Amino acid sequence: MRQALTAENLQAFMKALASEARTSSRIYLVGGSTAVLLGWRSSTIDVDLKIVPESDEILRALPRLKEKLHINVELASPDDFIPALPGWQERSRFIQQEGRIAFYHYDFYAQTLAKIQRGHEIDLSDAKHFVESGLAEPARLRDLFAAIEDQIFRYPELNRQTFKDDLDRFLRPYLNTTANE
């Protein structure tokens, strides 16, 4: 049976994964992992991550570590759901270095936009935490959406207008504007 992912077993996973790596890589943590490490959730159901550059060595280690640590691991990041935001790697916040692996929080703006687009209750709650804690500024979210808006066609499951409307609705309390400004 898989365990809920807490800060403690997330740290154990990071150390175990780093012990498997023989080459340098960056691991970007996403979603619930970010929420747990930042302290606004005590646990989550899985580790969502992105590996840059992708590494067969690390990918091969994941199933073994999932079983050993009794956790779920998913290869998932905002750019699986929405176009990659310009500058996302530079905005990704460093967490820690373990061996040859540098761990980062995936760009908070990209996470926030992806969560708004998904629209699930827990995602919207996380998006509010990003904004209300100052990790994502409302006006910058709107600007970054504008920067990817012309690429949304690359994600056939997305409707550009619905995404824009959802973002405007989410931002309204923070920007004190109407949806059509």
N, C-alpha and C. Protein backbone atom coordinates (compact mmCIF):
# COMPACT_ATOMS: atom_id res chain seq x y z
N MET A 1 0.84 -1.19 0.00
CA MET A 1 0.00 0.00 0.00
C MET A 1 0.88 1.25 0.00
N ARG A 2 0.50 2.21 -0.80
CA ARG A 2 1.26 3.46 -0.90
C ARG A 2 0.95 4.35 0.29
N GLN A 3 1.98 5.06 0.75
CA GLN A 3 1.83 5.98 1.87
C GLN A 3 1.54 7.38 1.34
N ALA A 4 0.88 8.18 2.16
CA ALA A 4 0.74 9.60 1.85
C ALA A 4 2.14 10.19 1.84
N LEU A 5 2.36 11.12 0.96
CA LEU A 5 3.66 11.73 0.84
C LEU A 5 3.75 12.93 1.78
N THR A 6 4.62 12.83 2.77
CA THR A 6 4.86 13.91 3.73
C THR A 6 6.21 14.54 3.42
N ALA A 7 6.53 15.62 4.08
CA ALA A 7 7.84 16.26 3.90
C ALA A 7 8.95 15.28 4.24
N GLU A 8 8.74 14.46 5.26
CA GLU A 8 9.76 13.50 5.69
C GLU A 8 10.03 12.44 4.63
N ASN A 9 8.96 11.81 4.09
CA ASN A 9 9.26 10.78 3.09
C ASN A 9 9.58 11.38 1.72
N LEU A 10 9.23 12.64 1.48
CA LEU A 10 9.68 13.32 0.27
C LEU A 10 11.20 13.54 0.35
N GLN A 11 11.69 13.95 1.51
CA GLN A 11 13.14 14.10 1.71
C GLN A 11 13.85 12.75 1.53
N ALA A 12 13.26 11.69 2.05
CA ALA A 12 13.86 10.36 1.90
C ALA A 12 13.92 9.97 0.42
N PHE A 13 12.86 10.27 -0.32
CA PHE A 13 12.84 10.00 -1.76
C PHE A 13 13.93 10.79 -2.48
N MET A 14 14.08 12.06 -2.16
CA MET A 14 15.08 12.90 -2.81
C MET A 14 16.49 12.35 -2.56
N LYS A 15 16.76 11.97 -1.35
CA LYS A 15 18.08 11.41 -1.02
C LYS A 15 18.31 10.08 -1.74
N ALA A 16 17.29 9.22 -1.75
CA ALA A 16 17.42 7.92 -2.41
C ALA A 16 17.60 8.09 -3.92
N LEU A 17 16.86 8.99 -4.51
CA LEU A 17 16.99 9.22 -5.94
C LEU A 17 18.39 9.76 -6.26
N ALA A 18 18.86 10.67 -5.47
CA ALA A 18 20.20 11.24 -5.69
C ALA A 18 21.28 10.17 -5.58
N SER A 19 21.09 9.20 -4.69
CA SER A 19 22.10 8.15 -4.54
C SER A 19 22.18 7.26 -5.77
N GLU A 20 21.16 7.27 -6.61
CA GLU A 20 21.14 6.47 -7.84
C GLU A 20 21.79 7.20 -9.01
N ALA A 21 21.91 8.51 -8.94
CA ALA A 21 22.35 9.32 -10.08
C ALA A 21 23.87 9.33 -10.21
N ARG A 22 24.35 9.04 -11.40
CA ARG A 22 25.79 9.08 -11.69
C ARG A 22 26.12 10.31 -12.55
N THR A 23 25.09 10.95 -13.08
CA THR A 23 25.29 12.16 -13.88
C THR A 23 24.45 13.28 -13.29
N SER A 24 24.83 14.50 -13.58
CA SER A 24 24.11 15.66 -13.05
C SER A 24 22.76 15.81 -13.73
N SER A 25 21.80 16.22 -12.95
CA SER A 25 20.45 16.45 -13.46
C SER A 25 19.74 17.42 -12.55
N ARG A 26 18.68 18.00 -13.08
CA ARG A 26 17.78 18.82 -12.28
C ARG A 26 16.45 18.10 -12.18
N ILE A 27 15.90 18.08 -11.00
CA ILE A 27 14.56 17.54 -10.78
C ILE A 27 13.69 18.69 -10.33
N TYR A 28 12.61 18.90 -11.06
CA TYR A 28 11.65 19.97 -10.74
C TYR A 28 10.44 19.32 -10.09
N LEU A 29 10.18 19.67 -8.83
CA LEU A 29 9.02 19.15 -8.11
C LEU A 29 7.82 20.04 -8.39
N VAL A 30 6.67 19.42 -8.43
CA VAL A 30 5.45 20.09 -8.89
C VAL A 30 4.29 19.74 -7.95
N GLY A 31 3.32 20.64 -7.89
CA GLY A 31 2.03 20.35 -7.28
C GLY A 31 2.08 20.08 -5.80
N GLY A 32 1.54 18.93 -5.42
CA GLY A 32 1.46 18.57 -4.01
C GLY A 32 2.82 18.53 -3.32
N SER A 33 3.85 18.14 -4.05
CA SER A 33 5.20 18.12 -3.46
C SER A 33 5.63 19.53 -3.06
N THR A 34 5.35 20.49 -3.94
CA THR A 34 5.65 21.89 -3.62
C THR A 34 4.84 22.33 -2.40
N ALA A 35 3.54 22.01 -2.40
CA ALA A 35 2.66 22.41 -1.29
C ALA A 35 3.14 21.83 0.03
N VAL A 36 3.58 20.58 0.01
CA VAL A 36 4.07 19.94 1.24
C VAL A 36 5.37 20.60 1.70
N LEU A 37 6.30 20.82 0.78
CA LEU A 37 7.58 21.42 1.19
C LEU A 37 7.41 22.87 1.65
N LEU A 38 6.43 23.58 1.09
CA LEU A 38 6.20 24.96 1.51
C LEU A 38 5.31 25.05 2.75
N GLY A 39 4.76 23.91 3.16
CA GLY A 39 4.05 23.84 4.44
C GLY A 39 2.57 24.16 4.43
N TRP A 40 1.93 24.30 3.27
CA TRP A 40 0.50 24.56 3.32
C TRP A 40 -0.34 23.30 3.18
N ARG A 41 0.32 22.16 2.97
CA ARG A 41 -0.34 20.85 3.06
C ARG A 41 0.57 19.94 3.87
N SER A 42 -0.02 19.07 4.68
CA SER A 42 0.81 18.15 5.46
C SER A 42 1.20 16.92 4.64
N SER A 43 0.42 16.62 3.59
CA SER A 43 0.73 15.46 2.75
C SER A 43 0.06 15.62 1.39
N THR A 44 0.48 14.75 0.49
CA THR A 44 -0.11 14.68 -0.84
C THR A 44 -0.09 13.22 -1.26
N ILE A 45 -0.64 12.93 -2.44
CA ILE A 45 -0.73 11.52 -2.83
C ILE A 45 0.46 11.02 -3.64
N ASP A 46 1.21 11.94 -4.27
CA ASP A 46 2.33 11.48 -5.07
C ASP A 46 3.37 12.58 -5.28
N VAL A 47 4.50 12.16 -5.80
CA VAL A 47 5.55 13.08 -6.19
C VAL A 47 5.38 13.30 -7.69
N ASP A 48 5.04 14.53 -8.08
CA ASP A 48 5.02 14.89 -9.49
C ASP A 48 6.34 15.58 -9.78
N LEU A 49 6.98 15.19 -10.88
CA LEU A 49 8.29 15.77 -11.16
C LEU A 49 8.60 15.81 -12.64
N LYS A 50 9.58 16.63 -12.96
CA LYS A 50 10.14 16.73 -14.32
C LYS A 50 11.65 16.61 -14.17
N ILE A 51 12.26 15.83 -15.05
CA ILE A 51 13.70 15.60 -15.04
C ILE A 51 14.32 16.34 -16.23
N VAL A 52 15.33 17.18 -15.96
CA VAL A 52 16.02 17.91 -17.02
C VAL A 52 17.53 17.82 -16.78
N PRO A 53 18.31 17.29 -17.72
CA PRO A 53 17.82 16.60 -18.91
C PRO A 53 17.26 15.24 -18.51
N GLU A 54 16.38 14.73 -19.36
CA GLU A 54 15.81 13.42 -19.07
C GLU A 54 16.95 12.41 -18.98
N SER A 55 16.83 11.51 -18.03
CA SER A 55 17.92 10.57 -17.74
C SER A 55 17.37 9.16 -17.62
N ASP A 56 17.85 8.26 -18.49
CA ASP A 56 17.42 6.86 -18.39
C ASP A 56 17.75 6.28 -17.03
N GLU A 57 18.90 6.65 -16.51
CA GLU A 57 19.35 6.16 -15.21
C GLU A 57 18.34 6.52 -14.11
N ILE A 58 17.90 7.76 -14.10
CA ILE A 58 16.93 8.20 -13.09
C ILE A 58 15.57 7.56 -13.36
N LEU A 59 15.17 7.52 -14.62
CA LEU A 59 13.87 6.92 -14.96
C LEU A 59 13.83 5.44 -14.55
N ARG A 60 14.93 4.73 -14.72
CA ARG A 60 14.98 3.32 -14.31
C ARG A 60 14.92 3.16 -12.80
N ALA A 61 15.41 4.13 -12.08
CA ALA A 61 15.40 4.05 -10.61
C ALA A 61 14.01 4.31 -10.03
N LEU A 62 13.18 5.05 -10.72
CA LEU A 62 11.88 5.45 -10.16
C LEU A 62 10.99 4.27 -9.75
N PRO A 63 10.78 3.25 -10.60
CA PRO A 63 9.92 2.14 -10.16
C PRO A 63 10.44 1.43 -8.91
N ARG A 64 11.74 1.26 -8.84
CA ARG A 64 12.35 0.60 -7.68
C ARG A 64 12.15 1.44 -6.41
N LEU A 65 12.34 2.75 -6.53
CA LEU A 65 12.17 3.62 -5.37
C LEU A 65 10.71 3.73 -4.94
N LYS A 66 9.81 3.72 -5.91
CA LYS A 66 8.37 3.73 -5.58
C LYS A 66 8.03 2.54 -4.69
N GLU A 67 8.54 1.36 -5.06
CA GLU A 67 8.25 0.15 -4.29
C GLU A 67 8.96 0.17 -2.93
N LYS A 68 10.21 0.55 -2.94
CA LYS A 68 11.00 0.56 -1.70
C LYS A 68 10.41 1.54 -0.67
N LEU A 69 10.00 2.72 -1.15
CA LEU A 69 9.52 3.77 -0.24
C LEU A 69 7.99 3.80 -0.10
N HIS A 70 7.31 2.95 -0.87
CA HIS A 70 5.84 2.88 -0.82
C HIS A 70 5.17 4.22 -1.13
N ILE A 71 5.65 4.86 -2.19
CA ILE A 71 5.09 6.15 -2.60
C ILE A 71 4.73 6.09 -4.08
N ASN A 72 3.91 7.02 -4.51
CA ASN A 72 3.60 7.17 -5.93
C ASN A 72 4.48 8.26 -6.52
N VAL A 73 4.95 8.03 -7.73
CA VAL A 73 5.76 9.01 -8.45
C VAL A 73 5.18 9.13 -9.85
N GLU A 74 4.97 10.36 -10.29
CA GLU A 74 4.44 10.62 -11.63
C GLU A 74 5.35 11.60 -12.35
N LEU A 75 5.57 11.36 -13.63
CA LEU A 75 6.27 12.32 -14.48
C LEU A 75 5.20 13.27 -14.99
N ALA A 76 5.08 14.40 -14.33
CA ALA A 76 4.05 15.37 -14.69
C ALA A 76 4.54 16.76 -14.29
N SER A 77 4.30 17.70 -15.19
CA SER A 77 4.68 19.09 -14.90
C SER A 77 3.71 20.00 -15.65
N PRO A 78 3.70 21.28 -15.30
CA PRO A 78 2.77 22.20 -15.96
C PRO A 78 2.83 22.15 -17.49
N ASP A 79 4.03 21.96 -18.07
CA ASP A 79 4.11 21.97 -19.52
C ASP A 79 3.52 20.72 -20.17
N ASP A 80 3.02 19.79 -19.35
CA ASP A 80 2.23 18.68 -19.88
C ASP A 80 0.78 19.10 -20.10
N PHE A 81 0.38 20.21 -19.47
CA PHE A 81 -1.02 20.64 -19.50
C PHE A 81 -1.24 21.97 -20.21
N ILE A 82 -0.22 22.83 -20.16
CA ILE A 82 -0.29 24.15 -20.79
C ILE A 82 1.05 24.42 -21.48
N PRO A 83 1.10 25.36 -22.42
CA PRO A 83 2.40 25.67 -23.03
C PRO A 83 3.41 26.12 -21.98
N ALA A 84 4.66 25.75 -22.21
CA ALA A 84 5.74 26.14 -21.29
C ALA A 84 5.85 27.67 -21.27
N LEU A 85 5.95 28.22 -20.07
CA LEU A 85 6.09 29.66 -19.93
C LEU A 85 7.52 30.08 -20.24
N PRO A 86 7.69 31.19 -20.94
CA PRO A 86 9.05 31.68 -21.17
C PRO A 86 9.72 31.97 -19.83
N GLY A 87 10.97 31.51 -19.70
CA GLY A 87 11.75 31.78 -18.49
C GLY A 87 11.42 30.90 -17.30
N TRP A 88 10.67 29.81 -17.51
CA TRP A 88 10.25 29.00 -16.37
C TRP A 88 11.44 28.43 -15.60
N GLN A 89 12.50 28.02 -16.28
CA GLN A 89 13.63 27.43 -15.56
C GLN A 89 14.33 28.46 -14.67
N GLU A 90 14.45 29.68 -15.17
CA GLU A 90 15.10 30.73 -14.39
C GLU A 90 14.28 31.12 -13.16
N ARG A 91 12.95 31.00 -13.26
CA ARG A 91 12.09 31.35 -12.12
C ARG A 91 11.90 30.19 -11.15
N SER A 92 12.33 29.00 -11.52
CA SER A 92 12.15 27.84 -10.63
C SER A 92 13.04 28.00 -9.41
N ARG A 93 12.46 27.81 -8.23
CA ARG A 93 13.17 28.06 -6.97
C ARG A 93 13.96 26.83 -6.53
N PHE A 94 15.22 27.05 -6.25
CA PHE A 94 16.11 25.99 -5.76
C PHE A 94 15.63 25.50 -4.40
N ILE A 95 15.64 24.18 -4.24
CA ILE A 95 15.29 23.56 -2.95
C ILE A 95 16.57 23.09 -2.26
N GLN A 96 17.28 22.18 -2.91
CA GLN A 96 18.51 21.66 -2.31
C GLN A 96 19.27 20.83 -3.33
N GLN A 97 20.54 20.63 -3.04
CA GLN A 97 21.41 19.77 -3.83
C GLN A 97 21.61 18.48 -3.07
N GLU A 98 21.39 17.37 -3.74
CA GLU A 98 21.66 16.05 -3.17
C GLU A 98 22.54 15.33 -4.17
N GLY A 99 23.78 15.10 -3.82
CA GLY A 99 24.69 14.44 -4.76
C GLY A 99 24.73 15.21 -6.07
N ARG A 100 24.48 14.51 -7.15
CA ARG A 100 24.53 15.13 -8.48
C ARG A 100 23.18 15.72 -8.92
N ILE A 101 22.20 15.64 -8.07
CA ILE A 101 20.87 16.15 -8.45
C ILE A 101 20.57 17.44 -7.70
N ALA A 102 20.18 18.44 -8.48
CA ALA A 102 19.70 19.70 -7.92
C ALA A 102 18.17 19.65 -7.98
N PHE A 103 17.54 19.86 -6.84
CA PHE A 103 16.08 19.84 -6.76
C PHE A 103 15.55 21.27 -6.74
N TYR A 104 14.51 21.48 -7.50
CA TYR A 104 13.87 22.80 -7.63
C TYR A 104 12.36 22.65 -7.53
N HIS A 105 11.69 23.71 -7.10
CA HIS A 105 10.25 23.82 -7.30
C HIS A 105 10.08 24.30 -8.73
N TYR A 106 9.25 23.62 -9.50
CA TYR A 106 8.92 24.10 -10.85
C TYR A 106 8.32 25.49 -10.70
N ASP A 107 8.63 26.37 -11.63
CA ASP A 107 8.16 27.76 -11.65
C ASP A 107 6.76 27.91 -11.05
N PHE A 108 6.66 28.75 -10.02
CA PHE A 108 5.38 28.95 -9.34
C PHE A 108 4.31 29.54 -10.26
N TYR A 109 4.71 30.38 -11.21
CA TYR A 109 3.74 30.95 -12.15
C TYR A 109 3.15 29.86 -13.04
N ALA A 110 4.01 28.99 -13.55
CA ALA A 110 3.53 27.89 -14.40
C ALA A 110 2.63 26.95 -13.60
N GLN A 111 3.03 26.65 -12.36
CA GLN A 111 2.19 25.79 -11.53
C GLN A 111 0.83 26.44 -11.30
N THR A 112 0.83 27.74 -11.01
CA THR A 112 -0.43 28.44 -10.74
C THR A 112 -1.33 28.43 -11.96
N LEU A 113 -0.79 28.76 -13.11
CA LEU A 113 -1.61 28.76 -14.33
C LEU A 113 -2.14 27.36 -14.65
N ALA A 114 -1.31 26.35 -14.51
CA ALA A 114 -1.76 24.98 -14.78
C ALA A 114 -2.87 24.57 -13.80
N LYS A 115 -2.76 24.98 -12.57
CA LYS A 115 -3.78 24.65 -11.58
C LYS A 115 -5.09 25.38 -11.87
N ILE A 116 -4.99 26.63 -12.30
CA ILE A 116 -6.20 27.37 -12.67
C ILE A 116 -6.86 26.70 -13.87
N GLN A 117 -6.05 26.30 -14.84
CA GLN A 117 -6.59 25.64 -16.02
C GLN A 117 -7.28 24.33 -15.65
N ARG A 118 -6.69 23.55 -14.77
CA ARG A 118 -7.29 22.27 -14.37
C ARG A 118 -8.60 22.50 -13.63
N GLY A 119 -8.59 23.46 -12.71
CA GLY A 119 -9.81 23.89 -12.06
C GLY A 119 -10.38 23.02 -10.96
N HIS A 120 -9.67 21.97 -10.55
CA HIS A 120 -10.14 21.15 -9.44
C HIS A 120 -10.05 21.95 -8.15
N GLU A 121 -10.88 21.61 -7.18
CA GLU A 121 -10.91 22.35 -5.92
C GLU A 121 -9.53 22.45 -5.26
N ILE A 122 -8.82 21.33 -5.17
CA ILE A 122 -7.50 21.34 -4.54
C ILE A 122 -6.52 22.17 -5.36
N ASP A 123 -6.65 22.13 -6.69
CA ASP A 123 -5.77 22.93 -7.54
C ASP A 123 -6.03 24.42 -7.34
N LEU A 124 -7.27 24.82 -7.28
CA LEU A 124 -7.60 26.23 -7.08
C LEU A 124 -7.16 26.70 -5.69
N SER A 125 -7.27 25.81 -4.71
CA SER A 125 -6.77 26.14 -3.37
C SER A 125 -5.26 26.38 -3.41
N ASP A 126 -4.53 25.50 -4.11
CA ASP A 126 -3.08 25.69 -4.24
C ASP A 126 -2.78 26.99 -4.98
N ALA A 127 -3.53 27.28 -6.05
CA ALA A 127 -3.30 28.52 -6.80
C ALA A 127 -3.49 29.73 -5.89
N LYS A 128 -4.49 29.69 -5.03
CA LYS A 128 -4.70 30.80 -4.09
C LYS A 128 -3.51 30.92 -3.13
N HIS A 129 -2.98 29.79 -2.68
CA HIS A 129 -1.80 29.83 -1.81
C HIS A 129 -0.62 30.48 -2.51
N PHE A 130 -0.40 30.13 -3.78
CA PHE A 130 0.71 30.74 -4.53
C PHE A 130 0.55 32.26 -4.57
N VAL A 131 -0.65 32.73 -4.86
CA VAL A 131 -0.88 34.18 -4.97
C VAL A 131 -0.84 34.84 -3.60
N GLU A 132 -1.56 34.29 -2.65
CA GLU A 132 -1.68 34.93 -1.34
C GLU A 132 -0.39 34.91 -0.54
N SER A 133 0.51 33.99 -0.86
CA SER A 133 1.81 33.97 -0.18
C SER A 133 2.85 34.80 -0.94
N GLY A 134 2.45 35.41 -2.04
CA GLY A 134 3.37 36.26 -2.79
C GLY A 134 4.29 35.53 -3.74
N LEU A 135 4.08 34.24 -3.94
CA LEU A 135 4.94 33.46 -4.84
C LEU A 135 4.57 33.66 -6.31
N ALA A 136 3.35 34.13 -6.56
CA ALA A 136 2.89 34.43 -7.92
C ALA A 136 2.07 35.72 -7.85
N GLU A 137 2.50 36.74 -8.58
CA GLU A 137 1.81 38.02 -8.59
C GLU A 137 0.70 38.00 -9.63
N PRO A 138 -0.50 38.44 -9.27
CA PRO A 138 -1.64 38.37 -10.20
C PRO A 138 -1.39 39.04 -11.56
N ALA A 139 -0.84 40.24 -11.58
CA ALA A 139 -0.62 40.92 -12.86
C ALA A 139 0.38 40.14 -13.72
N ARG A 140 1.39 39.57 -13.09
CA ARG A 140 2.39 38.78 -13.84
C ARG A 140 1.76 37.50 -14.38
N LEU A 141 0.83 36.90 -13.65
CA LEU A 141 0.12 35.72 -14.16
C LEU A 141 -0.60 36.07 -15.46
N ARG A 142 -1.26 37.20 -15.47
CA ARG A 142 -1.97 37.64 -16.68
C ARG A 142 -0.98 37.86 -17.82
N ASP A 143 0.16 38.49 -17.54
CA ASP A 143 1.17 38.74 -18.58
C ASP A 143 1.73 37.43 -19.13
N LEU A 144 1.99 36.48 -18.24
CA LEU A 144 2.55 35.21 -18.69
C LEU A 144 1.53 34.40 -19.48
N PHE A 145 0.25 34.49 -19.11
CA PHE A 145 -0.78 33.86 -19.92
C PHE A 145 -0.76 34.46 -21.32
N ALA A 146 -0.68 35.78 -21.40
CA ALA A 146 -0.64 36.45 -22.71
C ALA A 146 0.56 35.97 -23.53
N ALA A 147 1.67 35.66 -22.87
CA ALA A 147 2.87 35.21 -23.56
C ALA A 147 2.70 33.81 -24.17
N ILE A 148 1.79 33.00 -23.62
CA ILE A 148 1.59 31.64 -24.16
C ILE A 148 0.27 31.49 -24.91
N GLU A 149 -0.55 32.51 -24.88
CA GLU A 149 -1.90 32.39 -25.44
C GLU A 149 -1.89 31.91 -26.90
N ASP A 150 -0.95 32.39 -27.69
CA ASP A 150 -0.92 31.99 -29.10
C ASP A 150 -0.37 30.58 -29.31
N GLN A 151 0.06 29.91 -28.23
CA GLN A 151 0.55 28.53 -28.32
C GLN A 151 -0.45 27.50 -27.80
N ILE A 152 -1.57 27.97 -27.29
CA ILE A 152 -2.55 27.06 -26.71
C ILE A 152 -3.09 26.07 -27.74
N PHE A 153 -3.08 26.44 -29.02
CA PHE A 153 -3.55 25.53 -30.07
C PHE A 153 -2.77 24.22 -30.07
N ARG A 154 -1.56 24.22 -29.53
CA ARG A 154 -0.75 23.00 -29.47
C ARG A 154 -1.28 21.98 -28.46
N TYR A 155 -2.25 22.39 -27.68
CA TYR A 155 -2.89 21.54 -26.66
C TYR A 155 -4.36 21.42 -27.03
N PRO A 156 -4.72 20.48 -27.91
CA PRO A 156 -6.08 20.41 -28.44
C PRO A 156 -7.17 20.27 -27.37
N GLU A 157 -6.80 19.75 -26.22
CA GLU A 157 -7.79 19.59 -25.15
C GLU A 157 -8.13 20.92 -24.47
N LEU A 158 -7.33 21.95 -24.72
CA LEU A 158 -7.56 23.26 -24.11
C LEU A 158 -8.41 24.13 -25.02
N ASN A 159 -9.26 24.91 -24.38
CA ASN A 159 -10.00 25.94 -25.08
C ASN A 159 -9.44 27.27 -24.60
N ARG A 160 -8.85 28.03 -25.52
CA ARG A 160 -8.18 29.28 -25.17
C ARG A 160 -9.11 30.22 -24.43
N GLN A 161 -10.33 30.40 -24.92
CA GLN A 161 -11.24 31.36 -24.29
C GLN A 161 -11.67 30.89 -22.91
N THR A 162 -11.93 29.60 -22.76
CA THR A 162 -12.32 29.08 -21.44
C THR A 162 -11.18 29.26 -20.44
N PHE A 163 -9.95 28.97 -20.87
CA PHE A 163 -8.79 29.15 -20.01
C PHE A 163 -8.65 30.61 -19.61
N LYS A 164 -8.78 31.51 -20.57
CA LYS A 164 -8.68 32.95 -20.29
C LYS A 164 -9.78 33.39 -19.32
N ASP A 165 -11.01 32.91 -19.54
CA ASP A 165 -12.12 33.26 -18.66
C ASP A 165 -11.89 32.73 -17.24
N ASP A 166 -11.38 31.50 -17.14
CA ASP A 166 -11.08 30.93 -15.82
C ASP A 166 -10.01 31.74 -15.11
N LEU A 167 -8.99 32.16 -15.86
CA LEU A 167 -7.93 32.98 -15.27
C LEU A 167 -8.49 34.33 -14.81
N ASP A 168 -9.28 34.97 -15.65
CA ASP A 168 -9.87 36.27 -15.28
C ASP A 168 -10.74 36.14 -14.03
N ARG A 169 -11.52 35.07 -13.97
CA ARG A 169 -12.39 34.85 -12.81
C ARG A 169 -11.55 34.64 -11.55
N PHE A 170 -10.47 33.86 -11.69
CA PHE A 170 -9.59 33.61 -10.55
C PHE A 170 -8.92 34.91 -10.09
N LEU A 171 -8.47 35.73 -11.04
CA LEU A 171 -7.72 36.94 -10.70
C LEU A 171 -8.59 38.09 -10.23
N ARG A 172 -9.86 38.06 -10.54
CA ARG A 172 -10.76 39.19 -10.24
C ARG A 172 -10.63 39.68 -8.79
N PRO A 173 -10.66 38.82 -7.78
CA PRO A 173 -10.54 39.33 -6.40
C PRO A 173 -9.19 39.98 -6.10
N TYR A 174 -8.17 39.59 -6.84
CA TYR A 174 -6.82 40.11 -6.58
C TYR A 174 -6.54 41.39 -7.35
N LEU A 175 -7.16 41.53 -8.53
CA LEU A 175 -6.89 42.68 -9.37
C LEU A 175 -8.00 43.70 -9.36
N ASN A 176 -9.17 43.32 -8.78
CA ASN A 176 -10.30 44.25 -8.73
C ASN A 176 -10.67 44.78 -10.12
N THR A 177 -10.74 43.85 -11.09
CA THR A 177 -11.07 44.23 -12.46
C THR A 177 -12.23 43.38 -12.96
N THR A 178 -12.76 43.77 -14.07
CA THR A 178 -13.79 42.95 -14.72
C THR A 178 -13.10 41.99 -15.68
N ALA A 179 -13.80 40.96 -16.06
CA ALA A 179 -13.22 39.92 -16.91
C ALA A 179 -12.85 40.42 -18.30
N ASN A 180 -13.43 41.49 -18.78
CA ASN A 180 -13.17 41.92 -20.15
C ASN A 180 -12.27 43.13 -20.27
N GLU A 181 -11.57 43.49 -19.24
CA GLU A 181 -10.66 44.64 -19.33
C GLU A 181 -9.44 44.29 -20.14
